[in-house]
N, C-alpha and C. Protein backbone atom coordinates (compact mmCIF):
# COMPACT_ATOMS: atom_id res chain seq x y z
N UNK A 1 -68.66 -68.87 54.84
CA UNK A 1 -68.20 -67.89 54.13
C UNK A 1 -67.33 -66.84 54.55
N UNK A 2 -66.15 -66.52 54.09
CA UNK A 2 -64.85 -65.66 54.31
C UNK A 2 -65.42 -64.25 54.22
N UNK A 3 -64.89 -63.34 55.27
CA UNK A 3 -65.15 -62.02 55.07
C UNK A 3 -63.93 -61.40 54.32
N UNK A 4 -64.01 -59.94 53.96
CA UNK A 4 -62.99 -59.19 53.43
C UNK A 4 -61.39 -59.64 54.27
N UNK A 5 -61.90 -59.23 55.95
CA UNK A 5 -61.02 -59.20 56.81
C UNK A 5 -60.50 -60.61 56.99
N UNK A 6 -60.99 -61.28 56.84
CA UNK A 6 -60.15 -63.04 56.88
C UNK A 6 -59.40 -63.33 55.84
N UNK A 7 -59.84 -62.77 54.75
CA UNK A 7 -58.80 -62.78 53.37
C UNK A 7 -57.82 -61.91 53.49
N UNK A 8 -57.82 -60.85 53.87
CA UNK A 8 -56.71 -60.02 54.23
C UNK A 8 -55.55 -60.72 55.27
N UNK A 9 -56.24 -60.92 56.48
CA UNK A 9 -55.27 -61.96 57.22
C UNK A 9 -54.39 -63.13 56.39
N UNK A 10 -54.93 -63.65 55.53
CA UNK A 10 -54.23 -64.60 54.84
C UNK A 10 -53.79 -64.45 53.41
N UNK A 11 -53.57 -62.82 53.42
CA UNK A 11 -53.05 -62.43 52.29
C UNK A 11 -53.36 -63.13 50.63
N UNK A 12 -54.76 -62.66 50.52
CA UNK A 12 -55.64 -63.02 49.55
C UNK A 12 -55.77 -61.89 48.84
N UNK A 13 -54.93 -62.05 47.38
CA UNK A 13 -54.82 -60.94 46.42
C UNK A 13 -56.42 -60.92 45.57
N UNK A 14 -57.28 -61.46 46.08
CA UNK A 14 -58.55 -61.38 45.19
C UNK A 14 -59.71 -60.81 46.40
N UNK A 15 -58.86 -60.29 47.72
CA UNK A 15 -59.73 -59.49 48.38
C UNK A 15 -59.61 -58.19 48.22
N UNK A 16 -60.51 -57.69 48.41
CA UNK A 16 -60.79 -56.24 47.79
C UNK A 16 -59.67 -55.16 48.75
N UNK A 17 -59.77 -55.18 49.70
CA UNK A 17 -58.89 -54.72 50.92
C UNK A 17 -57.73 -55.35 51.23
N UNK A 18 -57.07 -56.29 50.58
CA UNK A 18 -56.04 -57.07 50.95
C UNK A 18 -54.90 -56.12 50.41
N UNK A 19 -53.47 -55.75 51.69
CA UNK A 19 -52.74 -55.17 51.21
C UNK A 19 -51.65 -55.69 50.04
N UNK A 20 -51.92 -57.10 49.70
CA UNK A 20 -51.04 -57.78 48.60
C UNK A 20 -51.27 -56.85 47.64
N UNK A 21 -52.62 -56.60 47.37
CA UNK A 21 -52.50 -55.53 45.81
C UNK A 21 -51.66 -54.59 45.56
N UNK A 22 -51.23 -53.95 46.59
CA UNK A 22 -50.25 -52.82 46.28
C UNK A 22 -48.86 -53.49 45.55
N UNK A 23 -48.52 -54.58 45.99
CA UNK A 23 -47.38 -55.39 45.83
C UNK A 23 -47.41 -55.75 44.34
N UNK A 24 -48.62 -56.44 44.16
CA UNK A 24 -49.23 -56.74 42.73
C UNK A 24 -49.23 -55.55 42.28
N UNK A 25 -49.79 -54.66 42.03
CA UNK A 25 -49.87 -53.37 41.17
C UNK A 25 -48.20 -53.11 40.97
N UNK A 26 -47.51 -52.82 41.85
CA UNK A 26 -46.18 -52.68 41.67
C UNK A 26 -45.28 -53.53 40.66
N UNK A 27 -45.66 -54.64 40.86
CA UNK A 27 -44.72 -55.65 40.14
C UNK A 27 -45.35 -56.02 38.87
N UNK A 28 -46.67 -55.67 38.27
CA UNK A 28 -47.59 -55.85 37.46
C UNK A 28 -47.18 -54.28 36.41
N UNK A 29 -46.05 -53.49 36.87
CA UNK A 29 -45.72 -52.35 36.18
C UNK A 29 -44.56 -52.89 35.42
N UNK A 30 -44.75 -52.81 33.90
CA UNK A 30 -43.58 -52.92 33.17
C UNK A 30 -42.56 -52.35 33.47
N UNK A 31 -42.45 -50.99 34.12
CA UNK A 31 -40.96 -50.24 34.15
C UNK A 31 -40.78 -51.11 35.71
N UNK A 32 -41.23 -51.50 36.52
CA UNK A 32 -40.90 -52.33 37.66
C UNK A 32 -40.12 -53.49 37.49
N UNK A 33 -41.31 -54.19 36.43
CA UNK A 33 -40.40 -55.71 36.09
C UNK A 33 -39.12 -55.68 35.68
N UNK A 34 -38.88 -54.44 34.53
CA UNK A 34 -37.91 -54.32 33.65
C UNK A 34 -36.73 -53.93 34.73
N UNK A 35 -37.11 -52.81 35.80
CA UNK A 35 -35.84 -52.40 36.56
C UNK A 35 -35.27 -53.66 37.49
N UNK A 36 -36.46 -54.35 37.67
CA UNK A 36 -35.68 -55.66 38.58
C UNK A 36 -35.16 -56.65 37.69
N UNK A 37 -35.39 -56.69 36.71
CA UNK A 37 -34.61 -57.38 35.63
C UNK A 37 -33.15 -56.83 35.62
N UNK A 38 -33.08 -55.52 35.36
CA UNK A 38 -31.88 -54.96 34.98
C UNK A 38 -30.83 -55.07 36.02
N UNK A 39 -31.67 -55.23 37.35
CA UNK A 39 -30.69 -55.35 38.46
C UNK A 39 -30.16 -56.57 38.77
N UNK A 40 -30.69 -57.25 38.23
CA UNK A 40 -30.48 -58.83 38.68
C UNK A 40 -29.08 -59.30 38.28
N UNK A 41 -28.12 -58.60 37.62
CA UNK A 41 -26.59 -58.78 37.79
C UNK A 41 -25.92 -58.24 38.57
N UNK A 42 -26.54 -57.41 39.54
CA UNK A 42 -25.88 -56.68 40.74
C UNK A 42 -26.27 -55.20 40.59
N UNK A 43 -25.52 -54.32 41.16
CA UNK A 43 -25.85 -53.13 41.58
C UNK A 43 -25.93 -52.02 40.20
N UNK A 44 -26.15 -51.26 40.02
CA UNK A 44 -26.44 -50.37 38.94
C UNK A 44 -26.71 -49.10 39.36
N UNK A 45 -26.07 -47.95 38.55
CA UNK A 45 -26.48 -46.62 38.54
C UNK A 45 -27.36 -46.16 37.87
N UNK A 46 -27.88 -45.14 38.34
CA UNK A 46 -29.05 -44.28 37.91
C UNK A 46 -28.75 -44.32 35.95
N UNK A 47 -27.52 -43.90 35.61
CA UNK A 47 -27.38 -43.69 34.24
C UNK A 47 -27.32 -45.10 33.44
N UNK A 48 -26.63 -46.15 33.94
CA UNK A 48 -26.96 -47.30 33.51
C UNK A 48 -28.26 -48.31 33.19
N UNK A 49 -29.25 -47.52 34.24
CA UNK A 49 -30.64 -48.29 34.26
C UNK A 49 -31.05 -47.54 33.13
N UNK A 50 -31.05 -46.32 33.34
CA UNK A 50 -31.45 -45.16 32.00
C UNK A 50 -31.02 -46.01 30.78
N UNK A 51 -29.82 -46.21 30.38
CA UNK A 51 -29.55 -46.80 29.15
C UNK A 51 -30.07 -48.36 28.98
N UNK A 52 -30.18 -49.21 30.07
CA UNK A 52 -30.78 -50.27 29.90
C UNK A 52 -31.99 -50.41 29.59
N UNK A 53 -32.89 -49.48 30.18
CA UNK A 53 -34.31 -49.50 30.08
C UNK A 53 -34.94 -48.43 28.98
N UNK A 54 -34.32 -48.79 27.76
CA UNK A 54 -34.57 -47.98 26.68
C UNK A 54 -36.23 -47.30 26.58
N UNK A 55 -36.26 -45.90 26.34
CA UNK A 55 -37.42 -45.63 26.52
C UNK A 55 -38.12 -45.28 27.73
N UNK A 56 -37.69 -45.11 28.75
CA UNK A 56 -37.93 -44.71 29.99
C UNK A 56 -37.58 -43.76 30.54
N UNK A 57 -38.33 -42.32 30.90
CA UNK A 57 -38.15 -40.92 30.94
C UNK A 57 -37.19 -41.05 32.33
N UNK A 58 -36.27 -39.79 32.77
CA UNK A 58 -35.69 -39.51 33.91
C UNK A 58 -36.78 -39.82 35.19
N UNK A 59 -37.71 -39.06 34.69
CA UNK A 59 -39.08 -38.95 35.82
C UNK A 59 -39.57 -40.22 36.48
N UNK A 60 -39.55 -41.04 35.26
CA UNK A 60 -40.38 -42.43 35.37
C UNK A 60 -39.37 -43.48 36.15
N UNK A 61 -38.40 -43.07 35.72
CA UNK A 61 -36.88 -43.94 36.28
C UNK A 61 -37.13 -43.86 37.81
N UNK A 62 -36.93 -42.53 38.35
CA UNK A 62 -36.88 -41.82 39.57
C UNK A 62 -38.18 -42.59 40.18
N UNK A 63 -39.50 -42.30 39.71
CA UNK A 63 -40.52 -43.08 40.59
C UNK A 63 -40.60 -44.17 40.55
N UNK A 64 -40.18 -45.05 39.70
CA UNK A 64 -40.01 -46.10 40.12
C UNK A 64 -38.93 -47.16 40.87
N UNK A 65 -37.93 -46.20 40.65
CA UNK A 65 -37.04 -46.83 41.67
C UNK A 65 -37.25 -46.51 43.15
N UNK A 66 -38.15 -45.22 43.41
CA UNK A 66 -38.69 -45.06 44.92
C UNK A 66 -39.79 -46.00 45.34
N UNK A 67 -40.29 -46.13 44.37
CA UNK A 67 -41.41 -47.22 44.67
C UNK A 67 -40.80 -48.68 45.03
N UNK A 68 -40.12 -49.00 44.35
CA UNK A 68 -39.07 -50.60 44.77
C UNK A 68 -38.58 -50.16 45.99
N UNK A 69 -37.90 -48.98 46.28
CA UNK A 69 -36.89 -48.99 47.36
C UNK A 69 -38.36 -48.71 48.61
N UNK A 70 -39.24 -48.22 48.40
CA UNK A 70 -40.36 -47.74 49.46
C UNK A 70 -40.85 -49.38 49.66
N UNK A 71 -41.36 -50.25 48.92
CA UNK A 71 -41.63 -51.93 49.00
C UNK A 71 -40.78 -52.42 49.65
N UNK A 72 -39.20 -52.52 49.80
CA UNK A 72 -38.12 -53.30 50.12
C UNK A 72 -37.58 -54.16 49.10
N UNK A 73 -38.03 -53.81 47.87
CA UNK A 73 -37.49 -54.66 46.42
C UNK A 73 -35.91 -54.01 46.30
N UNK A 74 -35.76 -52.99 46.41
CA UNK A 74 -34.76 -52.53 46.11
C UNK A 74 -33.78 -51.44 47.27
N UNK A 75 -32.49 -51.23 47.35
CA UNK A 75 -31.51 -50.44 48.13
C UNK A 75 -31.21 -49.49 47.31
N UNK A 76 -31.06 -48.24 47.87
CA UNK A 76 -30.30 -46.91 47.30
C UNK A 76 -29.26 -46.76 48.00
N UNK A 77 -28.01 -46.95 47.41
CA UNK A 77 -26.96 -46.66 48.52
C UNK A 77 -26.21 -45.17 47.75
N UNK A 78 -26.11 -44.30 48.66
CA UNK A 78 -25.40 -43.15 48.13
C UNK A 78 -23.79 -43.10 48.66
N UNK A 79 -22.70 -43.09 47.73
CA UNK A 79 -21.18 -42.73 48.21
C UNK A 79 -20.93 -41.55 48.30
N UNK A 80 -20.24 -41.48 49.56
CA UNK A 80 -19.42 -39.77 49.29
C UNK A 80 -18.68 -39.72 48.84
N UNK A 81 -18.60 -38.99 47.59
CA UNK A 81 -17.82 -38.65 46.70
C UNK A 81 -18.15 -37.53 46.12
N UNK A 82 -17.31 -37.09 45.51
CA UNK A 82 -17.62 -35.77 44.62
C UNK A 82 -17.39 -36.06 43.03
N UNK A 83 -18.30 -35.86 42.29
CA UNK A 83 -19.94 -35.95 42.59
C UNK A 83 -20.34 -37.22 43.29
N UNK A 84 -21.28 -37.17 43.96
CA UNK A 84 -22.06 -38.28 44.56
C UNK A 84 -22.39 -39.36 43.70
N UNK A 85 -22.07 -40.62 44.46
CA UNK A 85 -22.42 -41.87 43.55
C UNK A 85 -23.34 -42.60 43.96
N UNK A 86 -24.49 -42.94 43.39
CA UNK A 86 -25.52 -43.58 43.88
C UNK A 86 -25.77 -44.93 43.08
N UNK A 87 -26.07 -45.99 44.17
CA UNK A 87 -26.42 -47.14 42.93
C UNK A 87 -27.43 -47.97 43.85
N UNK A 88 -27.92 -48.47 42.72
CA UNK A 88 -29.20 -49.48 43.37
C UNK A 88 -29.02 -50.71 43.22
N UNK A 89 -29.79 -51.60 43.86
CA UNK A 89 -29.21 -53.04 44.12
C UNK A 89 -30.89 -53.75 44.64
N UNK A 90 -30.99 -55.10 44.36
CA UNK A 90 -32.30 -55.61 44.48
C UNK A 90 -31.67 -56.12 46.17
N UNK A 91 -33.04 -56.12 46.85
CA UNK A 91 -32.79 -56.78 48.30
C UNK A 91 -33.29 -58.30 48.22
N UNK A 92 -33.08 -59.28 49.40
CA UNK A 92 -33.50 -60.01 49.23
C UNK A 92 -34.96 -60.42 48.63
N UNK A 93 -35.91 -59.38 49.17
CA UNK A 93 -37.17 -59.48 48.62
C UNK A 93 -37.17 -59.35 46.97
N UNK A 94 -36.40 -58.37 46.80
CA UNK A 94 -36.35 -58.25 45.33
C UNK A 94 -36.01 -59.36 44.67
N UNK A 95 -34.77 -59.87 44.82
CA UNK A 95 -34.04 -61.21 44.06
C UNK A 95 -35.30 -62.29 44.35
N UNK A 96 -36.02 -62.29 45.07
CA UNK A 96 -37.34 -63.43 45.76
C UNK A 96 -38.46 -63.03 44.01
N UNK A 97 -38.42 -61.66 43.78
CA UNK A 97 -39.49 -61.36 42.68
C UNK A 97 -38.94 -61.63 41.38
N UNK A 98 -37.49 -61.33 41.49
CA UNK A 98 -36.76 -61.58 40.02
C UNK A 98 -36.98 -62.83 39.30
N UNK A 99 -37.04 -63.84 40.03
CA UNK A 99 -37.40 -65.26 39.18
C UNK A 99 -38.51 -65.19 38.68
N UNK A 100 -39.84 -64.80 39.02
CA UNK A 100 -41.03 -65.10 38.50
C UNK A 100 -41.07 -64.23 37.34
N UNK A 101 -40.88 -62.78 37.76
CA UNK A 101 -40.77 -62.00 36.78
C UNK A 101 -39.73 -62.08 35.43
N UNK A 102 -38.90 -62.83 35.61
CA UNK A 102 -38.01 -63.19 34.74
C UNK A 102 -38.47 -64.01 33.80
N UNK A 103 -39.33 -65.11 34.33
CA UNK A 103 -40.28 -65.98 33.46
C UNK A 103 -41.03 -65.13 32.61
N UNK A 104 -41.59 -64.62 33.19
CA UNK A 104 -43.05 -63.36 32.56
C UNK A 104 -42.04 -62.68 31.58
N UNK A 105 -40.94 -62.34 31.54
CA UNK A 105 -40.34 -61.44 30.44
C UNK A 105 -40.06 -62.59 29.27
N UNK A 106 -39.72 -63.50 29.85
CA UNK A 106 -38.99 -64.67 28.50
C UNK A 106 -40.45 -65.08 27.94
N UNK A 107 -41.57 -65.52 28.88
CA UNK A 107 -42.95 -65.60 28.34
C UNK A 107 -43.24 -64.77 26.93
N UNK A 108 -42.90 -63.33 27.30
CA UNK A 108 -43.51 -62.15 26.52
C UNK A 108 -42.66 -62.30 25.24
N UNK A 109 -41.19 -62.57 25.24
CA UNK A 109 -40.74 -62.29 24.61
C UNK A 109 -41.14 -63.35 23.35
N UNK A 110 -41.02 -64.64 23.92
CA UNK A 110 -41.31 -66.03 23.27
C UNK A 110 -42.72 -65.96 22.33
N UNK A 111 -43.48 -65.20 23.22
CA UNK A 111 -45.02 -65.13 22.33
C UNK A 111 -45.52 -63.71 21.73
N UNK A 112 -44.39 -62.79 21.74
CA UNK A 112 -44.81 -61.53 21.25
C UNK A 112 -45.52 -61.23 19.94
N UNK A 113 -45.06 -62.40 19.29
CA UNK A 113 -45.75 -62.57 17.89
C UNK A 113 -47.06 -62.89 17.91
N UNK A 114 -47.45 -63.74 18.89
CA UNK A 114 -48.66 -64.66 18.67
C UNK A 114 -50.06 -63.87 18.65
């Protein structure tokens, strides 16, 4: 019989104390999934993301991007211009998450009326 400690060392999302759950929680959030999708085509500025993610508030967008950055899925680049230009882009880890999340978005769109 395995313990929670054993489950965590093998990254078992079903284990109560597994750190994988933080990432699952982040990726299962609709705004995270949509932000990652919006960044698939390349870096975008905050305003571009706000326009693409219809209905998101500036506060939620900021919080979402910060969480994605904290988890290593997105990078934030500040360019030394006046006014400062900030761009967000997917990291390698973020690109890896983009594929499965893209399939989930496609499934949702195809089955929304079901």
